[in-house]
Amino acid sequence: MAFRNLISADRGAIRTLTINRPDKLNALNRETINELSIAFDQARHDDSVRVVVL
């Protein structure tokens, strides 16, 4: 899934989630929180992901 406010990158078993709202100083809004929730759910169900870095 493509996110508007997050960048997701995998390097081996490590998934890095980066909040990408520089115009808003990376402040969390409802959309970003929902995207984080989806991204964490995706990582939880992906057996190749062992660590998530936010």
Protein backbone atom coordinates (compact mmCIF):
# COMPACT_ATOMS: atom_id res chain seq x y z
CA MET A 1 0.00 0.00 0.00
CA ALA A 2 1.25 3.47 -0.83
CA PHE A 3 1.10 5.99 1.99
CA ARG A 4 0.76 9.76 1.68
CA ASN A 5 2.47 10.61 4.98
CA LEU A 6 4.82 7.67 5.55
CA ILE A 7 7.82 6.21 3.83
CA SER A 8 8.23 2.48 4.38
CA ALA A 9 11.51 0.76 3.55
CA ASP A 10 12.72 -2.78 4.19
CA ARG A 11 16.34 -3.72 4.68
CA GLY A 12 16.54 -7.40 5.40
CA ALA A 13 14.30 -8.16 8.39
CA ILE A 14 14.14 -4.49 9.43
CA ARG A 15 11.26 -2.28 8.31
CA THR A 16 11.77 1.46 8.73
CA LEU A 17 8.74 3.74 8.86
CA THR A 18 9.48 7.44 8.38
CA ILE A 19 6.88 10.14 8.90
CA ASN A 20 7.08 12.41 5.87
CA ARG A 21 5.22 15.66 6.53
CA PRO A 22 8.04 18.22 6.51
CA ASP A 23 5.69 21.10 5.75
CA LYS A 24 3.90 20.33 9.05
CA LEU A 25 7.11 19.54 10.98
CA ASN A 26 6.07 15.86 10.93
CA ALA A 27 3.16 16.53 13.28
CA LEU A 28 0.73 13.64 13.60
CA ASN A 29 -2.78 14.05 12.28
CA ARG A 30 -5.61 11.54 12.03
CA GLU A 31 -4.53 10.39 8.55
CA THR A 32 -0.93 9.81 9.63
CA ILE A 33 -2.03 7.88 12.72
CA ASN A 34 -4.27 5.69 10.55
CA GLU A 35 -1.39 5.08 8.14
CA LEU A 36 0.88 4.12 11.05
CA SER A 37 -1.73 1.68 12.30
CA ILE A 38 -2.00 0.08 8.86
CA ALA A 39 1.79 -0.05 8.47
CA PHE A 40 2.23 -1.74 11.87
CA ASP A 41 -0.52 -4.26 11.03
CA GLN A 42 1.19 -5.03 7.72
CA ALA A 43 4.52 -5.55 9.49
CA ARG A 44 2.92 -7.79 12.11
CA HIS A 45 1.51 -10.08 9.40
CA ASP A 46 4.72 -10.15 7.34
CA ASP A 47 6.85 -13.05 8.58
CA SER A 48 9.97 -11.57 6.97
CA VAL A 49 9.82 -8.47 9.21
CA ARG A 50 11.46 -8.94 12.61
CA VAL A 51 11.94 -5.30 13.69
CA VAL A 52 10.09 -2.06 12.99
CA VAL A 53 11.91 1.25 13.44
CA LEU A 54 9.82 4.40 13.58
